[in-house]
Each structure stands twice: as structure tokens, then as C-alpha cells.
N, C-alpha and C. Protein backbone atom coordinates (compact mmCIF):
# COMPACT_ATOMS: atom_id res chain seq x y z
N UNK A 1 -20.16 10.36 6.43
CA UNK A 1 -19.46 10.90 5.29
C UNK A 1 -19.23 12.41 5.46
N UNK A 2 -20.15 13.06 6.18
CA UNK A 2 -20.01 14.49 6.42
C UNK A 2 -18.78 14.77 7.28
N UNK A 3 -18.50 13.89 8.24
CA UNK A 3 -17.32 14.05 9.09
C UNK A 3 -16.04 13.97 8.27
N UNK A 4 -16.00 13.04 7.32
CA UNK A 4 -14.81 12.91 6.48
C UNK A 4 -14.59 14.18 5.66
N UNK A 5 -15.67 14.73 5.12
CA UNK A 5 -15.56 15.95 4.32
C UNK A 5 -15.03 17.11 5.18
N UNK A 6 -15.56 17.25 6.37
CA UNK A 6 -15.09 18.31 7.27
C UNK A 6 -13.63 18.10 7.66
N UNK A 7 -13.25 16.85 7.93
CA UNK A 7 -11.86 16.57 8.30
C UNK A 7 -10.91 16.81 7.13
N UNK A 8 -11.33 16.46 5.92
CA UNK A 8 -10.48 16.70 4.75
C UNK A 8 -10.29 18.20 4.54
N UNK A 9 -11.34 18.99 4.73
CA UNK A 9 -11.22 20.44 4.61
C UNK A 9 -10.29 20.99 5.68
N UNK A 10 -10.40 20.47 6.90
CA UNK A 10 -9.52 20.91 7.99
C UNK A 10 -8.07 20.53 7.71
N UNK A 11 -7.85 19.33 7.17
CA UNK A 11 -6.50 18.89 6.82
C UNK A 11 -5.94 19.79 5.72
N UNK A 12 -6.76 20.11 4.72
CA UNK A 12 -6.31 20.96 3.62
C UNK A 12 -5.96 22.36 4.09
N UNK A 13 -6.72 22.90 5.00
CA UNK A 13 -6.49 24.27 5.45
C UNK A 13 -5.36 24.39 6.47
N UNK A 14 -5.23 23.42 7.37
CA UNK A 14 -4.31 23.57 8.49
C UNK A 14 -3.11 22.64 8.46
N UNK A 15 -3.24 21.47 7.91
CA UNK A 15 -2.20 20.44 8.01
C UNK A 15 -1.69 20.05 6.63
N UNK A 16 -0.89 20.91 6.03
CA UNK A 16 -0.38 20.65 4.68
C UNK A 16 0.59 19.46 4.66
N UNK A 17 1.35 19.26 5.72
CA UNK A 17 2.27 18.12 5.78
C UNK A 17 1.53 16.80 5.77
N UNK A 18 0.46 16.74 6.53
CA UNK A 18 -0.37 15.53 6.56
C UNK A 18 -1.00 15.29 5.21
N UNK A 19 -1.46 16.35 4.56
CA UNK A 19 -2.05 16.22 3.23
C UNK A 19 -1.02 15.71 2.23
N UNK A 20 0.21 16.21 2.32
CA UNK A 20 1.27 15.75 1.42
C UNK A 20 1.57 14.27 1.63
N UNK A 21 1.65 13.84 2.87
CA UNK A 21 1.91 12.43 3.16
C UNK A 21 0.75 11.57 2.68
N UNK A 22 -0.46 12.04 2.83
CA UNK A 22 -1.65 11.32 2.36
C UNK A 22 -1.62 11.15 0.84
N UNK A 23 -1.24 12.21 0.13
CA UNK A 23 -1.16 12.14 -1.33
C UNK A 23 -0.02 11.23 -1.77
N UNK A 24 1.14 11.32 -1.11
CA UNK A 24 2.27 10.44 -1.44
C UNK A 24 1.89 8.99 -1.21
N UNK A 25 1.21 8.72 -0.12
CA UNK A 25 0.77 7.36 0.18
C UNK A 25 -0.16 6.84 -0.92
N UNK A 26 -1.10 7.67 -1.36
CA UNK A 26 -2.02 7.27 -2.42
C UNK A 26 -1.28 7.02 -3.73
N UNK A 27 -0.35 7.90 -4.08
CA UNK A 27 0.40 7.73 -5.33
C UNK A 27 1.29 6.49 -5.30
N UNK A 28 1.92 6.22 -4.16
CA UNK A 28 2.73 5.01 -4.04
C UNK A 28 1.88 3.75 -4.15
N UNK A 29 0.69 3.78 -3.58
CA UNK A 29 -0.17 2.60 -3.67
C UNK A 29 -0.69 2.40 -5.10
N UNK A 30 -0.93 3.49 -5.83
CA UNK A 30 -1.31 3.36 -7.24
C UNK A 30 -0.15 2.78 -8.04
N UNK A 31 1.07 3.25 -7.77
CA UNK A 31 2.24 2.70 -8.45
C UNK A 31 2.43 1.23 -8.11
N UNK A 32 2.23 0.85 -6.86
CA UNK A 32 2.33 -0.56 -6.46
C UNK A 32 1.29 -1.39 -7.19
N UNK A 33 0.09 -0.88 -7.32
CA UNK A 33 -0.96 -1.60 -8.02
C UNK A 33 -0.60 -1.81 -9.48
N UNK A 34 -0.09 -0.77 -10.14
CA UNK A 34 0.27 -0.88 -11.56
C UNK A 34 1.41 -1.88 -11.74
N UNK A 35 2.44 -1.78 -10.91
CA UNK A 35 3.58 -2.70 -11.01
C UNK A 35 3.13 -4.14 -10.72
N UNK A 36 2.26 -4.31 -9.75
CA UNK A 36 1.78 -5.66 -9.41
C UNK A 36 0.95 -6.25 -10.55
N UNK A 37 0.13 -5.45 -11.18
CA UNK A 37 -0.69 -5.96 -12.30
C UNK A 37 0.21 -6.28 -13.50
N UNK A 38 1.24 -5.47 -13.72
CA UNK A 38 2.17 -5.75 -14.83
C UNK A 38 2.91 -7.06 -14.59
N UNK A 39 3.24 -7.37 -13.34
CA UNK A 39 4.01 -8.57 -13.03
C UNK A 39 3.16 -9.81 -12.76
N UNK A 40 1.87 -9.75 -13.04
CA UNK A 40 1.03 -10.93 -12.77
C UNK A 40 1.43 -12.13 -13.62
N UNK A 41 1.66 -11.95 -14.89
CA UNK A 41 2.11 -13.00 -15.80
C UNK A 41 1.19 -14.23 -15.79
N UNK A 42 -0.04 -14.09 -16.27
CA UNK A 42 -0.98 -15.21 -16.25
C UNK A 42 -0.64 -16.32 -17.24
N UNK A 43 0.27 -16.09 -18.18
CA UNK A 43 0.65 -17.13 -19.14
C UNK A 43 1.53 -18.20 -18.51
N UNK A 44 2.18 -17.87 -17.43
CA UNK A 44 3.09 -18.79 -16.78
C UNK A 44 2.31 -19.75 -15.89
N UNK A 45 2.70 -21.01 -15.93
CA UNK A 45 2.03 -22.02 -15.10
C UNK A 45 2.51 -21.95 -13.65
N UNK A 46 3.79 -21.65 -13.45
CA UNK A 46 4.37 -21.61 -12.11
C UNK A 46 5.12 -20.30 -11.94
N UNK A 47 4.84 -19.61 -10.85
CA UNK A 47 5.55 -18.37 -10.51
C UNK A 47 6.05 -18.47 -9.07
N UNK A 48 7.01 -17.63 -8.74
CA UNK A 48 7.50 -17.56 -7.36
C UNK A 48 6.53 -16.68 -6.57
N UNK A 49 5.92 -17.25 -5.53
CA UNK A 49 4.91 -16.50 -4.78
C UNK A 49 5.36 -16.10 -3.38
N UNK A 50 6.48 -16.61 -2.93
CA UNK A 50 6.91 -16.28 -1.58
C UNK A 50 8.33 -16.72 -1.33
N UNK A 51 8.87 -16.26 -0.22
CA UNK A 51 10.22 -16.61 0.17
C UNK A 51 10.26 -16.90 1.65
N UNK A 52 10.90 -17.99 2.00
CA UNK A 52 11.11 -18.34 3.39
C UNK A 52 12.58 -18.63 3.62
N UNK A 53 13.08 -18.32 4.79
CA UNK A 53 14.50 -18.53 5.07
C UNK A 53 14.89 -20.00 5.03
N UNK A 54 14.02 -20.87 5.43
CA UNK A 54 14.34 -22.30 5.49
C UNK A 54 14.12 -22.97 4.14
N UNK A 55 12.98 -22.72 3.53
CA UNK A 55 12.64 -23.43 2.30
C UNK A 55 13.01 -22.73 1.02
N UNK A 56 13.48 -21.52 1.07
CA UNK A 56 13.80 -20.77 -0.14
C UNK A 56 12.53 -20.24 -0.79
N UNK A 57 12.56 -20.10 -2.10
CA UNK A 57 11.41 -19.57 -2.82
C UNK A 57 10.34 -20.64 -2.97
N UNK A 58 9.06 -20.21 -2.84
CA UNK A 58 7.94 -21.12 -2.99
C UNK A 58 7.27 -20.89 -4.33
N UNK A 59 6.94 -21.98 -5.00
CA UNK A 59 6.26 -21.89 -6.28
C UNK A 59 4.75 -21.91 -6.07
N UNK A 60 4.04 -21.32 -7.01
CA UNK A 60 2.58 -21.31 -6.96
C UNK A 60 2.04 -20.87 -8.30
N UNK A 61 0.77 -20.59 -8.34
CA UNK A 61 0.15 -20.13 -9.58
C UNK A 61 0.06 -18.61 -9.58
N UNK A 62 -0.19 -18.05 -10.74
CA UNK A 62 -0.19 -16.60 -10.88
C UNK A 62 -1.31 -15.93 -10.09
N UNK A 63 -2.41 -16.66 -9.85
CA UNK A 63 -3.51 -16.03 -9.12
C UNK A 63 -3.16 -15.77 -7.65
N UNK A 64 -2.13 -16.42 -7.15
CA UNK A 64 -1.66 -16.12 -5.79
C UNK A 64 -1.01 -14.74 -5.72
N UNK A 65 -0.54 -14.26 -6.86
CA UNK A 65 0.08 -12.94 -6.92
C UNK A 65 -0.95 -11.81 -6.89
N UNK A 66 -2.24 -12.14 -6.90
CA UNK A 66 -3.28 -11.12 -6.79
C UNK A 66 -3.29 -10.47 -5.41
N UNK A 67 -2.54 -11.03 -4.49
CA UNK A 67 -2.45 -10.43 -3.15
C UNK A 67 -1.78 -9.06 -3.21
N UNK A 68 -0.87 -8.85 -4.16
CA UNK A 68 -0.17 -7.58 -4.24
C UNK A 68 -1.08 -6.44 -4.70
N UNK A 69 -1.90 -6.59 -5.75
CA UNK A 69 -2.84 -5.50 -6.05
C UNK A 69 -3.86 -5.29 -4.94
N UNK A 70 -4.24 -6.36 -4.25
CA UNK A 70 -5.16 -6.23 -3.12
C UNK A 70 -4.52 -5.43 -1.99
N UNK A 71 -3.24 -5.69 -1.71
CA UNK A 71 -2.51 -4.91 -0.71
C UNK A 71 -2.44 -3.43 -1.12
N UNK A 72 -2.23 -3.19 -2.40
CA UNK A 72 -2.17 -1.80 -2.87
C UNK A 72 -3.50 -1.10 -2.66
N UNK A 73 -4.59 -1.79 -2.89
CA UNK A 73 -5.92 -1.21 -2.67
C UNK A 73 -6.14 -0.92 -1.19
N UNK A 74 -5.75 -1.85 -0.34
CA UNK A 74 -5.90 -1.66 1.10
C UNK A 74 -5.04 -0.50 1.59
N UNK A 75 -3.77 -0.47 1.13
CA UNK A 75 -2.87 0.59 1.57
C UNK A 75 -3.31 1.96 1.07
N UNK A 76 -3.82 2.03 -0.14
CA UNK A 76 -4.17 3.32 -0.71
C UNK A 76 -5.49 3.87 -0.24
N UNK A 77 -6.53 3.08 -0.32
CA UNK A 77 -7.87 3.57 -0.04
C UNK A 77 -8.23 3.42 1.44
N UNK A 78 -8.17 2.22 1.94
CA UNK A 78 -8.59 1.96 3.31
C UNK A 78 -7.72 2.70 4.32
N UNK A 79 -6.41 2.69 4.12
CA UNK A 79 -5.54 3.37 5.07
C UNK A 79 -5.68 4.88 4.97
N UNK A 80 -6.06 5.40 3.80
CA UNK A 80 -6.33 6.83 3.69
C UNK A 80 -7.52 7.23 4.52
N UNK A 81 -8.61 6.48 4.40
CA UNK A 81 -9.79 6.77 5.22
C UNK A 81 -9.50 6.56 6.70
N UNK A 82 -8.73 5.54 7.00
CA UNK A 82 -8.37 5.28 8.39
C UNK A 82 -7.50 6.41 8.97
N UNK A 83 -6.60 6.95 8.15
CA UNK A 83 -5.76 8.07 8.61
C UNK A 83 -6.60 9.31 8.89
N UNK A 84 -7.61 9.55 8.06
CA UNK A 84 -8.51 10.69 8.31
C UNK A 84 -9.28 10.47 9.60
N UNK A 85 -9.70 9.25 9.84
CA UNK A 85 -10.42 8.93 11.08
C UNK A 85 -9.50 9.10 12.30
N UNK A 86 -8.25 8.66 12.15
CA UNK A 86 -7.28 8.85 13.23
C UNK A 86 -7.04 10.34 13.49
N UNK A 87 -6.98 11.14 12.42
CA UNK A 87 -6.83 12.58 12.57
C UNK A 87 -7.99 13.16 13.36
N UNK A 88 -9.19 12.68 13.08
CA UNK A 88 -10.37 13.18 13.79
C UNK A 88 -10.32 12.81 15.28
N UNK A 89 -9.87 11.60 15.58
CA UNK A 89 -9.87 11.12 16.97
C UNK A 89 -8.63 11.53 17.76
N UNK A 90 -7.43 11.40 17.14
CA UNK A 90 -6.18 11.54 17.88
C UNK A 90 -5.33 12.74 17.49
N UNK A 91 -5.56 13.31 16.32
CA UNK A 91 -4.80 14.48 15.92
C UNK A 91 -3.81 14.20 14.80
N UNK A 92 -3.08 15.23 14.46
CA UNK A 92 -2.20 15.20 13.30
C UNK A 92 -0.98 14.30 13.50
N UNK A 93 -0.38 14.34 14.67
CA UNK A 93 0.84 13.56 14.91
C UNK A 93 0.64 12.07 14.75
N UNK A 94 -0.42 11.55 15.34
CA UNK A 94 -0.69 10.12 15.24
C UNK A 94 -1.04 9.73 13.81
N UNK A 95 -1.76 10.59 13.12
CA UNK A 95 -2.13 10.31 11.74
C UNK A 95 -0.90 10.29 10.83
N UNK A 96 0.04 11.23 11.06
CA UNK A 96 1.28 11.24 10.29
C UNK A 96 2.10 9.98 10.55
N UNK A 97 2.17 9.57 11.80
CA UNK A 97 2.89 8.34 12.14
C UNK A 97 2.28 7.14 11.44
N UNK A 98 0.95 7.05 11.44
CA UNK A 98 0.26 5.95 10.78
C UNK A 98 0.56 5.94 9.28
N UNK A 99 0.50 7.12 8.65
CA UNK A 99 0.75 7.18 7.21
C UNK A 99 2.21 6.89 6.87
N UNK A 100 3.14 7.33 7.71
CA UNK A 100 4.54 7.00 7.46
C UNK A 100 4.80 5.51 7.60
N UNK A 101 4.13 4.88 8.57
CA UNK A 101 4.24 3.43 8.71
C UNK A 101 3.66 2.72 7.50
N UNK A 102 2.55 3.21 6.98
CA UNK A 102 1.96 2.64 5.78
C UNK A 102 2.88 2.82 4.58
N UNK A 103 3.54 3.96 4.48
CA UNK A 103 4.48 4.19 3.39
C UNK A 103 5.64 3.20 3.45
N UNK A 104 6.14 2.93 4.64
CA UNK A 104 7.21 1.94 4.79
C UNK A 104 6.70 0.55 4.38
N UNK A 105 5.46 0.22 4.72
CA UNK A 105 4.89 -1.07 4.30
C UNK A 105 4.76 -1.15 2.78
N UNK A 106 4.38 -0.07 2.14
CA UNK A 106 4.27 -0.06 0.68
C UNK A 106 5.64 -0.26 0.05
N UNK A 107 6.65 0.43 0.56
CA UNK A 107 8.00 0.27 0.01
C UNK A 107 8.53 -1.14 0.25
N UNK A 108 8.21 -1.73 1.40
CA UNK A 108 8.59 -3.12 1.66
C UNK A 108 7.89 -4.08 0.72
N UNK A 109 6.64 -3.80 0.40
CA UNK A 109 5.91 -4.63 -0.54
C UNK A 109 6.51 -4.52 -1.94
N UNK A 110 6.93 -3.31 -2.32
CA UNK A 110 7.65 -3.13 -3.59
C UNK A 110 8.89 -4.01 -3.62
N UNK A 111 9.65 -4.00 -2.55
CA UNK A 111 10.88 -4.78 -2.47
C UNK A 111 10.59 -6.27 -2.63
N UNK A 112 9.60 -6.77 -1.93
CA UNK A 112 9.25 -8.19 -2.04
C UNK A 112 8.79 -8.53 -3.44
N UNK A 113 7.97 -7.69 -4.05
CA UNK A 113 7.47 -7.94 -5.39
C UNK A 113 8.59 -7.95 -6.42
N UNK A 114 9.51 -7.02 -6.32
CA UNK A 114 10.63 -6.96 -7.26
C UNK A 114 11.53 -8.18 -7.09
N UNK A 115 11.77 -8.59 -5.85
CA UNK A 115 12.60 -9.79 -5.63
C UNK A 115 11.94 -11.04 -6.19
N UNK A 116 10.63 -11.17 -5.98
CA UNK A 116 9.94 -12.35 -6.51
C UNK A 116 9.88 -12.32 -8.03
N UNK A 117 9.74 -11.14 -8.61
CA UNK A 117 9.72 -11.03 -10.07
C UNK A 117 11.08 -11.34 -10.67
N UNK A 118 12.14 -10.99 -9.97
CA UNK A 118 13.49 -11.27 -10.45
C UNK A 118 13.85 -12.75 -10.42
N UNK A 119 13.20 -13.52 -9.56
CA UNK A 119 13.50 -14.95 -9.44
C UNK A 119 12.66 -15.80 -10.38
N UNK A 120 11.66 -15.23 -11.00
CA UNK A 120 10.77 -16.01 -11.86
C UNK A 120 11.41 -16.39 -13.16
């Protein structure tokens, strides 16, 4: 835990761009979590839980939609700690690339969630 604290201080002092991307990533994952929890809809017996090119939309129960808040938790917290660890091992460039890839994954998850919510 001491290494994380030292790395966060180093990121704050020297790598403001990385810190900004880390904060944006955290805020986007919090927004994804809130939107996912709002769209759970536990009163409904059947919800659209997935999409496949061959079979179209797949029906399921609302508890299958708990994957989206779980993804938000993984993207926000776990990937943040992982990015700090990557910064410690590989440097700022690799950590920025990792966080930008995570941001694209969060935005893709938003897109999937909105499409599934629109079909319900």
C-alpha cells in the first residue's frame, strides 16, 4: 500500500495528464454504475440481456443485468489500481494507453446498455 501512495504522489506531482485520465476514468465508471442501477428494472419479469447477430436480442431476467454495475466497479476501481501498478512498472505512456483503452471499454458498455434499455 505504501508503493501505491508513493506512486500516486509521483503521478500528482509529475504526470498531470495521467492523473486527469485516471479521474475521467473513475467518473465515467461511476456514471456507468448509476445508469446501470437505474436501468435494472426489477419489476419486469423479462428484460433484454444481450444481442447476437444471428439470434437477435436475448431475453432474460433482471438479475442478469447486474453484470453492468459489476463491470463499472471493475473498470473504475480495479483498473485504477492496475494503472498505478503499470505506471510503477512500465511508466506513464503504457499507463495512459491502458486507461484510454479502459475508457473506450466504458463508452462501449454505455452503448450496449443504452441499446438494450431501448429495446426493452
